[in-house]
Amino acid sequence: MAVGCSIMDISGIWAHRFADKILYNVEEYEEILAGLKSIPTPVCEGFKRKPYDVKQGLLNSMIDYTFEKSGWETQPFIDTRPNRKSSQKGDFAKTTKDGLKIFVEVEFGNVASTFRDFYKFNLAYSLDTYDCGIFILPEKRLARRIDTIQNFDGAKKLVEEARNFINLPLIIIGVGAGKEINLLSIVNDINYWKTYKLDDFTQIIQEHKELLF
């Protein structure tokens, strides 16, 4: 059922503009790391051409479930002012017990999607609506099993090469596969796992929590 013996790996953490100092010993930041480590990587060999065996849609839904369970706001507006001018939204947000406002983006897409995420972080800085950002991406080996997508090292390099284009204090987190769950052990049907319906993923999570977390 599960392959490997470790939880989802935190393979890299890199801080920009002293974000590591801002989030040092912050309970909600540790909550994010613990939540990511609780998620096994859903794999199904054969649902796409090799080497793409990670079910990205379900992985995204598992991350959503984990964050929501911990009380993170989903799809938060970046412009949180009463007279909101921008309708841009992010993935997650939370205000800590100490009043620190954290904005989170999770990216398992291509480089173009990464630049959209960077725009959102800068928008949060320009509007002064969040104090710190967290950017979660796959490390190289996991990225290669999902599709031709951005990875932790690539995103880090973009910020390093143009440090002044991201103004918000930012932590980039790279996640590796770690523990894996063979989805055929849940539904033994390749065609079933070719679906990308969000409702299917939600139902799978509700019915198989003991296997997926």
N, C-alpha and C. Protein backbone atom coordinates (compact mmCIF):
# COMPACT_ATOMS: atom_id res chain seq x y z
N MET A 1 0.85 -1.19 0.00
CA MET A 1 0.00 0.00 0.00
C MET A 1 0.88 1.24 0.00
N ALA A 2 1.72 1.40 1.02
CA ALA A 2 2.63 2.53 1.05
C ALA A 2 4.01 2.08 0.64
N VAL A 3 4.71 2.89 -0.12
CA VAL A 3 6.04 2.58 -0.60
C VAL A 3 7.01 3.48 0.12
N GLY A 4 8.10 2.94 0.64
CA GLY A 4 9.07 3.76 1.35
C GLY A 4 8.73 3.84 2.82
N CYS A 5 9.60 4.44 3.62
CA CYS A 5 9.40 4.43 5.06
C CYS A 5 9.41 5.82 5.68
N SER A 6 9.52 6.85 4.85
CA SER A 6 9.58 8.20 5.41
C SER A 6 8.34 8.98 5.02
N ILE A 7 8.06 10.04 5.78
CA ILE A 7 6.96 10.93 5.45
C ILE A 7 7.39 11.83 4.31
N MET A 8 6.46 12.66 3.81
CA MET A 8 6.85 13.61 2.77
C MET A 8 8.03 14.43 3.27
N ASP A 9 9.07 14.51 2.45
CA ASP A 9 10.30 15.17 2.87
C ASP A 9 10.23 16.68 2.69
N ILE A 10 10.79 17.40 3.64
CA ILE A 10 11.10 18.81 3.44
C ILE A 10 12.55 18.82 2.97
N SER A 11 12.75 18.94 1.67
CA SER A 11 14.08 18.75 1.10
C SER A 11 14.90 20.03 1.06
N GLY A 12 14.24 21.18 1.22
CA GLY A 12 14.98 22.43 1.20
C GLY A 12 14.14 23.58 1.73
N ILE A 13 14.79 24.48 2.45
CA ILE A 13 14.15 25.71 2.93
C ILE A 13 15.13 26.86 2.68
N TRP A 14 14.65 27.90 2.03
CA TRP A 14 15.51 29.04 1.71
C TRP A 14 14.76 30.33 2.00
N ALA A 15 15.44 31.24 2.67
CA ALA A 15 14.79 32.47 3.11
C ALA A 15 15.29 33.68 2.34
N HIS A 16 14.38 34.60 2.06
CA HIS A 16 14.66 35.85 1.35
C HIS A 16 14.20 37.00 2.22
N ARG A 17 15.01 38.02 2.33
CA ARG A 17 14.70 39.22 3.13
C ARG A 17 14.37 38.87 4.59
N PHE A 18 15.18 37.97 5.16
CA PHE A 18 15.13 37.63 6.58
C PHE A 18 13.80 37.02 7.02
N ALA A 19 13.14 36.33 6.08
CA ALA A 19 11.86 35.69 6.43
C ALA A 19 12.05 34.62 7.50
N ASP A 20 13.23 33.97 7.50
CA ASP A 20 13.49 32.95 8.52
C ASP A 20 13.54 33.55 9.91
N LYS A 21 14.03 34.77 10.02
CA LYS A 21 14.06 35.45 11.32
C LYS A 21 12.64 35.85 11.74
N ILE A 22 11.84 36.29 10.77
CA ILE A 22 10.46 36.69 11.06
C ILE A 22 9.63 35.51 11.55
N LEU A 23 9.86 34.34 10.94
CA LEU A 23 9.05 33.16 11.27
C LEU A 23 9.72 32.23 12.27
N TYR A 24 10.83 32.67 12.84
CA TYR A 24 11.54 31.81 13.81
C TYR A 24 10.65 31.53 15.02
N ASN A 25 10.47 30.24 15.29
CA ASN A 25 9.66 29.78 16.42
C ASN A 25 8.20 30.21 16.33
N VAL A 26 7.74 30.55 15.14
CA VAL A 26 6.32 30.89 14.96
C VAL A 26 5.52 29.60 14.82
N GLU A 27 4.57 29.41 15.69
CA GLU A 27 3.80 28.17 15.75
C GLU A 27 3.13 27.84 14.42
N GLU A 28 2.58 28.84 13.76
CA GLU A 28 1.86 28.60 12.52
C GLU A 28 2.79 28.16 11.39
N TYR A 29 4.02 28.62 11.40
CA TYR A 29 5.01 28.18 10.41
C TYR A 29 5.37 26.72 10.66
N GLU A 30 5.58 26.36 11.91
CA GLU A 30 5.87 24.96 12.25
C GLU A 30 4.68 24.07 11.89
N GLU A 31 3.49 24.62 11.98
CA GLU A 31 2.25 23.93 11.62
C GLU A 31 2.26 23.56 10.13
N ILE A 32 2.75 24.48 9.30
CA ILE A 32 2.86 24.21 7.87
C ILE A 32 3.81 23.06 7.60
N LEU A 33 4.98 23.11 8.21
CA LEU A 33 5.98 22.06 8.00
C LEU A 33 5.45 20.70 8.45
N ALA A 34 4.79 20.67 9.61
CA ALA A 34 4.24 19.42 10.12
C ALA A 34 3.13 18.90 9.21
N GLY A 35 2.31 19.82 8.71
CA GLY A 35 1.23 19.42 7.81
C GLY A 35 1.74 18.81 6.53
N LEU A 36 2.76 19.42 5.93
CA LEU A 36 3.35 18.87 4.70
C LEU A 36 3.94 17.49 4.94
N LYS A 37 4.56 17.32 6.11
CA LYS A 37 5.19 16.04 6.43
C LYS A 37 4.17 14.93 6.66
N SER A 38 2.92 15.31 6.90
CA SER A 38 1.88 14.30 7.17
C SER A 38 1.27 13.74 5.90
N ILE A 39 1.65 14.30 4.74
CA ILE A 39 1.00 13.94 3.48
C ILE A 39 1.86 12.98 2.68
N PRO A 40 1.37 11.77 2.40
CA PRO A 40 2.10 10.89 1.49
C PRO A 40 1.87 11.32 0.04
N THR A 41 2.75 10.95 -0.85
CA THR A 41 2.62 11.32 -2.26
C THR A 41 1.75 10.29 -2.97
N PRO A 42 0.62 10.71 -3.58
CA PRO A 42 -0.25 9.77 -4.27
C PRO A 42 0.30 9.43 -5.66
N VAL A 43 0.56 8.16 -5.90
CA VAL A 43 1.14 7.73 -7.17
C VAL A 43 0.28 6.66 -7.83
N CYS A 44 0.30 6.67 -9.15
CA CYS A 44 -0.43 5.66 -9.92
C CYS A 44 0.32 5.46 -11.24
N GLU A 45 1.12 4.41 -11.28
CA GLU A 45 1.88 4.14 -12.50
C GLU A 45 0.94 3.76 -13.63
N GLY A 46 1.09 4.45 -14.76
CA GLY A 46 0.28 4.12 -15.93
C GLY A 46 -0.87 5.07 -16.20
N PHE A 47 -1.20 5.97 -15.26
CA PHE A 47 -2.32 6.87 -15.53
C PHE A 47 -1.88 7.97 -16.51
N LYS A 48 -0.56 8.21 -16.60
CA LYS A 48 0.03 9.08 -17.61
C LYS A 48 1.26 8.39 -18.14
N ARG A 49 1.87 8.95 -19.18
CA ARG A 49 3.09 8.35 -19.72
C ARG A 49 4.23 8.49 -18.71
N LYS A 50 5.17 7.58 -18.78
CA LYS A 50 6.33 7.63 -17.89
C LYS A 50 7.13 8.89 -18.16
N PRO A 51 7.75 9.44 -17.14
CA PRO A 51 7.85 9.02 -15.73
C PRO A 51 6.81 9.68 -14.84
N TYR A 52 5.70 10.17 -15.43
CA TYR A 52 4.72 10.95 -14.67
C TYR A 52 3.74 10.03 -13.95
N ASP A 53 4.05 9.70 -12.70
CA ASP A 53 3.19 8.78 -11.95
C ASP A 53 2.55 9.43 -10.72
N VAL A 54 2.83 10.71 -10.45
CA VAL A 54 2.25 11.39 -9.29
C VAL A 54 0.94 12.06 -9.69
N LYS A 55 -0.10 11.79 -8.93
CA LYS A 55 -1.42 12.35 -9.21
C LYS A 55 -1.50 13.76 -8.62
N GLN A 56 -1.17 14.74 -9.43
CA GLN A 56 -1.03 16.12 -8.97
C GLN A 56 -2.34 16.67 -8.40
N GLY A 57 -3.45 16.43 -9.08
CA GLY A 57 -4.73 16.97 -8.62
C GLY A 57 -5.08 16.49 -7.22
N LEU A 58 -4.87 15.21 -6.96
CA LEU A 58 -5.17 14.66 -5.64
C LEU A 58 -4.19 15.21 -4.60
N LEU A 59 -2.91 15.34 -4.98
CA LEU A 59 -1.92 15.90 -4.06
C LEU A 59 -2.31 17.32 -3.66
N ASN A 60 -2.74 18.12 -4.61
CA ASN A 60 -3.19 19.48 -4.30
C ASN A 60 -4.37 19.46 -3.32
N SER A 61 -5.31 18.55 -3.57
CA SER A 61 -6.49 18.45 -2.69
C SER A 61 -6.10 17.99 -1.29
N MET A 62 -5.10 17.12 -1.19
CA MET A 62 -4.62 16.66 0.12
C MET A 62 -3.96 17.81 0.89
N ILE A 63 -3.22 18.64 0.17
CA ILE A 63 -2.62 19.81 0.80
C ILE A 63 -3.71 20.77 1.27
N ASP A 64 -4.72 21.00 0.42
CA ASP A 64 -5.85 21.86 0.80
C ASP A 64 -6.51 21.35 2.07
N TYR A 65 -6.77 20.06 2.11
CA TYR A 65 -7.44 19.45 3.27
C TYR A 65 -6.62 19.65 4.53
N THR A 66 -5.31 19.44 4.42
CA THR A 66 -4.42 19.56 5.58
C THR A 66 -4.38 20.98 6.11
N PHE A 67 -4.28 21.96 5.20
CA PHE A 67 -4.24 23.36 5.63
C PHE A 67 -5.59 23.78 6.24
N GLU A 68 -6.69 23.41 5.59
CA GLU A 68 -8.01 23.79 6.10
C GLU A 68 -8.24 23.21 7.49
N LYS A 69 -7.80 21.96 7.68
CA LYS A 69 -7.98 21.30 8.98
C LYS A 69 -7.24 22.05 10.08
N SER A 70 -6.16 22.73 9.72
CA SER A 70 -5.37 23.50 10.69
C SER A 70 -5.85 24.94 10.82
N GLY A 71 -6.95 25.26 10.15
CA GLY A 71 -7.54 26.58 10.32
C GLY A 71 -7.03 27.66 9.39
N TRP A 72 -6.33 27.25 8.31
CA TRP A 72 -5.86 28.24 7.34
C TRP A 72 -7.01 28.66 6.42
N GLU A 73 -7.07 29.94 6.12
CA GLU A 73 -8.05 30.46 5.17
C GLU A 73 -7.65 30.03 3.76
N THR A 74 -8.59 29.52 2.98
CA THR A 74 -8.30 29.11 1.61
C THR A 74 -8.80 30.16 0.63
N GLN A 75 -8.06 30.33 -0.46
CA GLN A 75 -8.39 31.31 -1.48
C GLN A 75 -8.58 32.72 -0.89
N PRO A 76 -7.62 33.18 -0.10
CA PRO A 76 -7.77 34.51 0.51
C PRO A 76 -7.52 35.62 -0.50
N PHE A 77 -8.22 36.72 -0.33
CA PHE A 77 -7.93 37.90 -1.13
C PHE A 77 -6.58 38.45 -0.72
N ILE A 78 -5.80 38.91 -1.70
CA ILE A 78 -4.54 39.57 -1.39
C ILE A 78 -4.80 40.98 -0.89
N ASP A 79 -5.75 41.63 -1.51
CA ASP A 79 -6.17 42.96 -1.07
C ASP A 79 -7.25 42.78 0.00
N THR A 80 -6.86 42.90 1.25
CA THR A 80 -7.80 42.66 2.36
C THR A 80 -8.41 43.95 2.90
N ARG A 81 -8.17 45.06 2.23
CA ARG A 81 -8.69 46.33 2.70
C ARG A 81 -10.21 46.40 2.50
N PRO A 82 -10.91 47.16 3.31
CA PRO A 82 -12.37 47.28 3.17
C PRO A 82 -12.79 47.76 1.78
N ASN A 83 -12.02 48.67 1.21
CA ASN A 83 -12.33 49.18 -0.14
C ASN A 83 -11.48 48.46 -1.19
N ARG A 84 -11.59 47.15 -1.20
CA ARG A 84 -10.75 46.30 -2.04
C ARG A 84 -10.76 46.74 -3.50
N LYS A 85 -9.55 46.88 -4.07
CA LYS A 85 -9.40 47.26 -5.48
C LYS A 85 -8.98 46.07 -6.36
N SER A 86 -8.31 45.09 -5.76
CA SER A 86 -7.83 43.92 -6.51
C SER A 86 -8.60 42.68 -6.11
N SER A 87 -8.96 41.86 -7.12
CA SER A 87 -9.67 40.60 -6.84
C SER A 87 -8.73 39.40 -6.84
N GLN A 88 -7.42 39.65 -6.90
CA GLN A 88 -6.44 38.56 -6.88
C GLN A 88 -6.53 37.77 -5.57
N LYS A 89 -6.40 36.45 -5.71
CA LYS A 89 -6.44 35.57 -4.54
C LYS A 89 -5.20 34.69 -4.49
N GLY A 90 -4.89 34.23 -3.29
CA GLY A 90 -3.80 33.28 -3.10
C GLY A 90 -4.32 31.92 -2.73
N ASP A 91 -3.45 31.07 -2.23
CA ASP A 91 -3.85 29.71 -1.84
C ASP A 91 -4.28 29.65 -0.38
N PHE A 92 -3.46 30.20 0.53
CA PHE A 92 -3.78 30.14 1.95
C PHE A 92 -3.28 31.40 2.65
N ALA A 93 -3.91 31.69 3.78
CA ALA A 93 -3.47 32.81 4.61
C ALA A 93 -3.87 32.55 6.05
N LYS A 94 -3.11 33.18 6.95
CA LYS A 94 -3.45 33.07 8.37
C LYS A 94 -2.79 34.21 9.12
N THR A 95 -3.49 34.71 10.11
CA THR A 95 -2.91 35.67 11.03
C THR A 95 -2.54 34.92 12.30
N THR A 96 -1.28 35.01 12.69
CA THR A 96 -0.79 34.26 13.84
C THR A 96 -1.34 34.85 15.14
N LYS A 97 -1.09 34.13 16.22
CA LYS A 97 -1.54 34.59 17.53
C LYS A 97 -0.90 35.93 17.90
N ASP A 98 0.28 36.18 17.32
CA ASP A 98 0.98 37.44 17.59
C ASP A 98 0.67 38.53 16.57
N GLY A 99 -0.29 38.25 15.67
CA GLY A 99 -0.71 39.26 14.72
C GLY A 99 0.07 39.29 13.42
N LEU A 100 0.95 38.32 13.21
CA LEU A 100 1.72 38.25 11.97
C LEU A 100 0.84 37.69 10.86
N LYS A 101 0.81 38.37 9.72
CA LYS A 101 -0.05 37.95 8.60
C LYS A 101 0.79 37.20 7.56
N ILE A 102 0.46 35.92 7.37
CA ILE A 102 1.24 35.05 6.48
C ILE A 102 0.41 34.70 5.25
N PHE A 103 1.04 34.79 4.09
CA PHE A 103 0.41 34.51 2.80
C PHE A 103 1.16 33.34 2.14
N VAL A 104 0.42 32.33 1.69
CA VAL A 104 1.04 31.10 1.18
C VAL A 104 0.58 30.80 -0.24
N GLU A 105 1.55 30.45 -1.09
CA GLU A 105 1.26 29.93 -2.42
C GLU A 105 1.88 28.54 -2.55
N VAL A 106 1.13 27.62 -3.13
CA VAL A 106 1.61 26.26 -3.43
C VAL A 106 1.64 26.12 -4.94
N GLU A 107 2.79 25.75 -5.50
CA GLU A 107 2.92 25.73 -6.95
C GLU A 107 3.49 24.40 -7.45
N PHE A 108 2.65 23.69 -8.19
CA PHE A 108 3.08 22.48 -8.87
C PHE A 108 2.84 22.64 -10.37
N GLY A 109 3.07 23.88 -10.86
CA GLY A 109 2.84 24.19 -12.27
C GLY A 109 4.12 24.66 -12.94
N ASN A 110 3.97 25.28 -14.10
CA ASN A 110 5.13 25.64 -14.91
C ASN A 110 5.75 26.98 -14.48
N VAL A 111 6.78 27.40 -15.19
CA VAL A 111 7.50 28.62 -14.83
C VAL A 111 6.58 29.84 -14.92
N ALA A 112 5.71 29.87 -15.90
CA ALA A 112 4.78 31.00 -16.04
C ALA A 112 3.91 31.14 -14.80
N SER A 113 3.47 30.01 -14.25
CA SER A 113 2.66 30.04 -13.02
C SER A 113 3.48 30.59 -11.86
N THR A 114 4.77 30.27 -11.85
CA THR A 114 5.64 30.77 -10.79
C THR A 114 5.71 32.29 -10.81
N PHE A 115 5.81 32.88 -12.00
CA PHE A 115 5.85 34.34 -12.08
C PHE A 115 4.54 34.97 -11.63
N ARG A 116 3.43 34.28 -11.86
CA ARG A 116 2.15 34.78 -11.34
C ARG A 116 2.16 34.78 -9.80
N ASP A 117 2.76 33.73 -9.23
CA ASP A 117 2.88 33.66 -7.77
C ASP A 117 3.75 34.79 -7.24
N PHE A 118 4.89 35.04 -7.92
CA PHE A 118 5.76 36.12 -7.49
C PHE A 118 5.03 37.47 -7.57
N TYR A 119 4.21 37.65 -8.59
CA TYR A 119 3.42 38.88 -8.70
C TYR A 119 2.52 39.03 -7.47
N LYS A 120 1.90 37.93 -7.04
CA LYS A 120 1.01 37.99 -5.88
C LYS A 120 1.77 38.36 -4.61
N PHE A 121 2.97 37.81 -4.46
CA PHE A 121 3.77 38.17 -3.28
C PHE A 121 4.11 39.66 -3.29
N ASN A 122 4.46 40.17 -4.46
CA ASN A 122 4.77 41.60 -4.55
C ASN A 122 3.54 42.47 -4.35
N LEU A 123 2.39 41.99 -4.83
CA LEU A 123 1.15 42.73 -4.62
C LEU A 123 0.84 42.82 -3.13
N ALA A 124 1.05 41.72 -2.41
CA ALA A 124 0.82 41.72 -0.95
C ALA A 124 1.73 42.72 -0.26
N TYR A 125 2.97 42.83 -0.76
CA TYR A 125 3.91 43.81 -0.20
C TYR A 125 3.46 45.23 -0.53
N SER A 126 3.08 45.46 -1.77
CA SER A 126 2.69 46.81 -2.21
C SER A 126 1.46 47.31 -1.46
N LEU A 127 0.53 46.39 -1.19
CA LEU A 127 -0.70 46.77 -0.49
C LEU A 127 -0.52 46.77 1.03
N ASP A 128 0.62 46.22 1.47
CA ASP A 128 0.91 46.13 2.91
C ASP A 128 -0.17 45.34 3.65
N THR A 129 -0.62 44.25 3.02
CA THR A 129 -1.67 43.43 3.63
C THR A 129 -1.13 42.16 4.29
N TYR A 130 0.11 41.78 3.98
CA TYR A 130 0.73 40.60 4.60
C TYR A 130 2.16 40.93 4.99
N ASP A 131 2.63 40.25 6.03
CA ASP A 131 3.97 40.51 6.56
C ASP A 131 5.03 39.58 6.01
N CYS A 132 4.61 38.40 5.58
CA CYS A 132 5.57 37.39 5.15
C CYS A 132 4.90 36.41 4.20
N GLY A 133 5.67 35.90 3.24
CA GLY A 133 5.14 34.92 2.30
C GLY A 133 5.83 33.57 2.45
N ILE A 134 5.12 32.52 2.10
CA ILE A 134 5.68 31.17 2.05
C ILE A 134 5.33 30.57 0.70
N PHE A 135 6.34 30.07 0.01
CA PHE A 135 6.18 29.52 -1.34
C PHE A 135 6.58 28.05 -1.30
N ILE A 136 5.64 27.15 -1.60
CA ILE A 136 5.86 25.71 -1.51
C ILE A 136 5.91 25.10 -2.91
N LEU A 137 7.00 24.42 -3.22
CA LEU A 137 7.20 23.81 -4.53
C LEU A 137 7.82 22.41 -4.37
N PRO A 138 7.73 21.57 -5.42
CA PRO A 138 8.41 20.27 -5.36
C PRO A 138 9.90 20.42 -5.60
N GLU A 139 10.68 19.51 -5.03
CA GLU A 139 12.09 19.46 -5.39
C GLU A 139 12.22 18.77 -6.74
N LYS A 140 13.42 18.74 -7.32
CA LYS A 140 13.60 18.32 -8.71
C LYS A 140 13.08 16.92 -9.00
N ARG A 141 13.41 15.97 -8.14
CA ARG A 141 13.03 14.58 -8.43
C ARG A 141 11.52 14.39 -8.41
N LEU A 142 10.86 15.05 -7.46
CA LEU A 142 9.40 14.96 -7.42
C LEU A 142 8.80 15.69 -8.61
N ALA A 143 9.35 16.86 -8.96
CA ALA A 143 8.83 17.63 -10.10
C ALA A 143 8.87 16.81 -11.38
N ARG A 144 9.93 16.06 -11.57
CA ARG A 144 10.08 15.25 -12.79
C ARG A 144 9.03 14.16 -12.89
N ARG A 145 8.43 13.79 -11.76
CA ARG A 145 7.40 12.75 -11.76
C ARG A 145 6.00 13.32 -11.90
N ILE A 146 5.88 14.65 -11.87
CA ILE A 146 4.58 15.30 -12.01
C ILE A 146 4.37 15.77 -13.44
N ASP A 147 5.32 16.54 -13.96
CA ASP A 147 5.26 17.04 -15.34
C ASP A 147 6.45 17.96 -15.54
N THR A 148 6.48 18.67 -16.65
CA THR A 148 7.54 19.64 -16.88
C THR A 148 7.17 20.91 -16.14
N ILE A 149 7.59 21.00 -14.88
CA ILE A 149 7.12 22.08 -14.02
C ILE A 149 8.28 22.74 -13.28
N GLN A 150 7.96 23.84 -12.62
CA GLN A 150 8.94 24.55 -11.81
C GLN A 150 9.28 23.73 -10.57
N ASN A 151 10.50 23.92 -10.04
CA ASN A 151 10.89 23.23 -8.82
C ASN A 151 11.54 24.21 -7.85
N PHE A 152 11.83 23.71 -6.67
CA PHE A 152 12.41 24.52 -5.60
C PHE A 152 13.67 25.25 -6.04
N ASP A 153 14.62 24.53 -6.65
CA ASP A 153 15.88 25.14 -7.06
C ASP A 153 15.67 26.22 -8.12
N GLY A 154 14.74 25.96 -9.04
CA GLY A 154 14.46 26.93 -10.10
C GLY A 154 13.88 28.22 -9.54
N ALA A 155 12.94 28.10 -8.60
CA ALA A 155 12.33 29.28 -8.01
C ALA A 155 13.35 30.05 -7.18
N LYS A 156 14.17 29.32 -6.43
CA LYS A 156 15.22 29.97 -5.63
C LYS A 156 16.19 30.75 -6.52
N LYS A 157 16.56 30.15 -7.65
CA LYS A 157 17.50 30.79 -8.57
C LYS A 157 16.90 32.08 -9.14
N LEU A 158 15.60 32.06 -9.46
CA LEU A 158 14.96 33.25 -9.99
C LEU A 158 15.04 34.41 -9.01
N VAL A 159 14.83 34.12 -7.74
CA VAL A 159 14.88 35.18 -6.73
C VAL A 159 16.33 35.62 -6.49
N GLU A 160 17.24 34.66 -6.46
CA GLU A 160 18.65 35.00 -6.22
C GLU A 160 19.21 35.88 -7.33
N GLU A 161 18.80 35.61 -8.57
CA GLU A 161 19.35 36.36 -9.70
C GLU A 161 18.78 37.76 -9.82
N ALA A 162 17.63 37.98 -9.21
CA ALA A 162 17.00 39.31 -9.27
C ALA A 162 16.39 39.62 -7.91
N ARG A 163 17.25 39.71 -6.91
CA ARG A 163 16.80 39.79 -5.52
C ARG A 163 15.85 40.95 -5.26
N ASN A 164 15.99 42.02 -6.01
CA ASN A 164 15.18 43.20 -5.73
C ASN A 164 13.78 43.16 -6.36
N PHE A 165 13.48 42.08 -7.10
CA PHE A 165 12.16 42.06 -7.72
C PHE A 165 11.12 41.40 -6.82
N ILE A 166 11.53 40.81 -5.71
CA ILE A 166 10.60 40.31 -4.70
C ILE A 166 10.87 41.09 -3.42
N ASN A 167 9.91 41.88 -3.00
CA ASN A 167 10.09 42.75 -1.84
C ASN A 167 9.56 42.15 -0.55
N LEU A 168 8.60 41.25 -0.64
CA LEU A 168 8.02 40.65 0.56
C LEU A 168 8.99 39.64 1.16
N PRO A 169 9.25 39.66 2.46
CA PRO A 169 10.02 38.58 3.07
C PRO A 169 9.39 37.23 2.71
N LEU A 170 10.21 36.29 2.27
CA LEU A 170 9.68 35.07 1.66
C LEU A 170 10.51 33.86 2.06
N ILE A 171 9.83 32.78 2.40
CA ILE A 171 10.50 31.49 2.60
C ILE A 171 10.02 30.55 1.49
N ILE A 172 10.98 29.94 0.81
CA ILE A 172 10.67 28.93 -0.21
C ILE A 172 10.92 27.56 0.39
N ILE A 173 9.92 26.70 0.31
CA ILE A 173 10.01 25.35 0.85
C ILE A 173 9.96 24.34 -0.30
N GLY A 174 10.94 23.46 -0.35
CA GLY A 174 10.94 22.38 -1.33
C GLY A 174 10.52 21.08 -0.69
N VAL A 175 9.57 20.38 -1.31
CA VAL A 175 9.10 19.10 -0.76
C VAL A 175 9.46 17.95 -1.69
N GLY A 176 9.85 16.83 -1.07
CA GLY A 176 10.15 15.62 -1.82
C GLY A 176 9.07 14.58 -1.60
N ALA A 177 9.16 13.48 -2.34
CA ALA A 177 8.10 12.47 -2.32
C ALA A 177 7.96 11.79 -0.96
N GLY A 178 9.08 11.37 -0.36
CA GLY A 178 8.98 10.67 0.92
C GLY A 178 8.12 9.43 0.82
N LYS A 179 7.19 9.28 1.74
CA LYS A 179 6.27 8.15 1.74
C LYS A 179 5.30 8.28 0.57
N GLU A 180 4.99 7.16 -0.07
CA GLU A 180 4.08 7.17 -1.20
C GLU A 180 2.91 6.23 -0.95
N ILE A 181 1.78 6.57 -1.54
CA ILE A 181 0.60 5.71 -1.48
C ILE A 181 0.23 5.30 -2.90
N ASN A 182 0.18 3.99 -3.13
CA ASN A 182 -0.20 3.48 -4.44
C ASN A 182 -1.72 3.58 -4.57
N LEU A 183 -2.19 4.44 -5.46
CA LEU A 183 -3.63 4.69 -5.57
C LEU A 183 -4.40 3.48 -6.07
N LEU A 184 -3.72 2.56 -6.74
CA LEU A 184 -4.40 1.34 -7.18
C LEU A 184 -4.79 0.45 -6.00
N SER A 185 -4.21 0.71 -4.83
CA SER A 185 -4.61 -0.02 -3.63
C SER A 185 -5.93 0.51 -3.08
N ILE A 186 -6.35 1.68 -3.56
CA ILE A 186 -7.63 2.26 -3.14
C ILE A 186 -8.72 1.94 -4.16
N VAL A 187 -8.43 2.25 -5.43
CA VAL A 187 -9.33 1.87 -6.53
C VAL A 187 -8.46 1.25 -7.62
N ASN A 188 -8.61 -0.03 -7.83
CA ASN A 188 -7.75 -0.77 -8.76
C ASN A 188 -8.26 -0.62 -10.20
N ASP A 189 -8.16 0.63 -10.70
CA ASP A 189 -8.68 0.93 -12.03
C ASP A 189 -7.90 2.13 -12.59
N ILE A 190 -7.04 1.87 -13.56
CA ILE A 190 -6.22 2.95 -14.15
C ILE A 190 -7.10 4.05 -14.72
N ASN A 191 -8.17 3.68 -15.42
CA ASN A 191 -9.04 4.67 -16.04
C ASN A 191 -9.67 5.60 -15.00
N TYR A 192 -9.97 5.06 -13.83
CA TYR A 192 -10.54 5.88 -12.77
C TYR A 192 -9.58 7.00 -12.38
N TRP A 193 -8.29 6.68 -12.32
CA TRP A 193 -7.30 7.65 -11.88
C TRP A 193 -6.88 8.62 -12.98
N LYS A 194 -7.44 8.46 -14.16
CA LYS A 194 -7.19 9.43 -15.21
C LYS A 194 -8.11 10.64 -15.09
N THR A 195 -9.07 10.56 -14.20
CA THR A 195 -10.01 11.67 -14.02
C THR A 195 -9.35 12.83 -13.30
N TYR A 196 -9.84 14.04 -13.54
CA TYR A 196 -9.31 15.22 -12.87
C TYR A 196 -10.43 16.00 -12.18
N LYS A 197 -11.53 15.32 -11.84
CA LYS A 197 -12.64 16.00 -11.21
C LYS A 197 -12.34 16.29 -9.74
N LEU A 198 -12.49 17.53 -9.34
CA LEU A 198 -12.22 17.93 -7.96
C LEU A 198 -13.11 17.19 -6.98
N ASP A 199 -14.36 16.98 -7.33
CA ASP A 199 -15.29 16.28 -6.45
C ASP A 199 -14.81 14.86 -6.16
N ASP A 200 -14.21 14.21 -7.16
CA ASP A 200 -13.68 12.86 -6.95
C ASP A 200 -12.58 12.87 -5.89
N PHE A 201 -11.69 13.86 -5.98
CA PHE A 201 -10.58 13.94 -5.03
C PHE A 201 -11.11 14.17 -3.62
N THR A 202 -12.10 15.06 -3.49
CA THR A 202 -12.69 15.34 -2.17
C THR A 202 -13.30 14.09 -1.57
N GLN A 203 -13.99 13.31 -2.39
CA GLN A 203 -14.62 12.08 -1.91
C GLN A 203 -13.57 11.05 -1.49
N ILE A 204 -12.51 10.94 -2.28
CA ILE A 204 -11.44 9.99 -1.96
C ILE A 204 -10.81 10.33 -0.61
N ILE A 205 -10.56 11.61 -0.38
CA ILE A 205 -9.96 12.03 0.89
C ILE A 205 -10.88 11.73 2.06
N GLN A 206 -12.17 12.01 1.91
CA GLN A 206 -13.12 11.77 2.99
C GLN A 206 -13.25 10.28 3.31
N GLU A 207 -13.17 9.44 2.30
CA GLU A 207 -13.39 8.00 2.49
C GLU A 207 -12.14 7.24 2.87
N HIS A 208 -10.94 7.85 2.67
CA HIS A 208 -9.70 7.10 2.90
C HIS A 208 -8.69 7.89 3.71
N LYS A 209 -9.15 8.62 4.72
CA LYS A 209 -8.26 9.44 5.53
C LYS A 209 -7.20 8.60 6.22
N GLU A 210 -7.60 7.38 6.63
CA GLU A 210 -6.64 6.53 7.36
C GLU A 210 -5.48 6.07 6.48
N LEU A 211 -5.67 6.10 5.17
CA LEU A 211 -4.61 5.71 4.24
C LEU A 211 -3.80 6.90 3.77
N LEU A 212 -4.46 8.03 3.62
CA LEU A 212 -3.84 9.19 2.98
C LEU A 212 -3.10 10.11 3.96
N PHE A 213 -3.35 9.95 5.27
CA PHE A 213 -2.71 10.85 6.22
C PHE A 213 -2.22 10.05 7.43
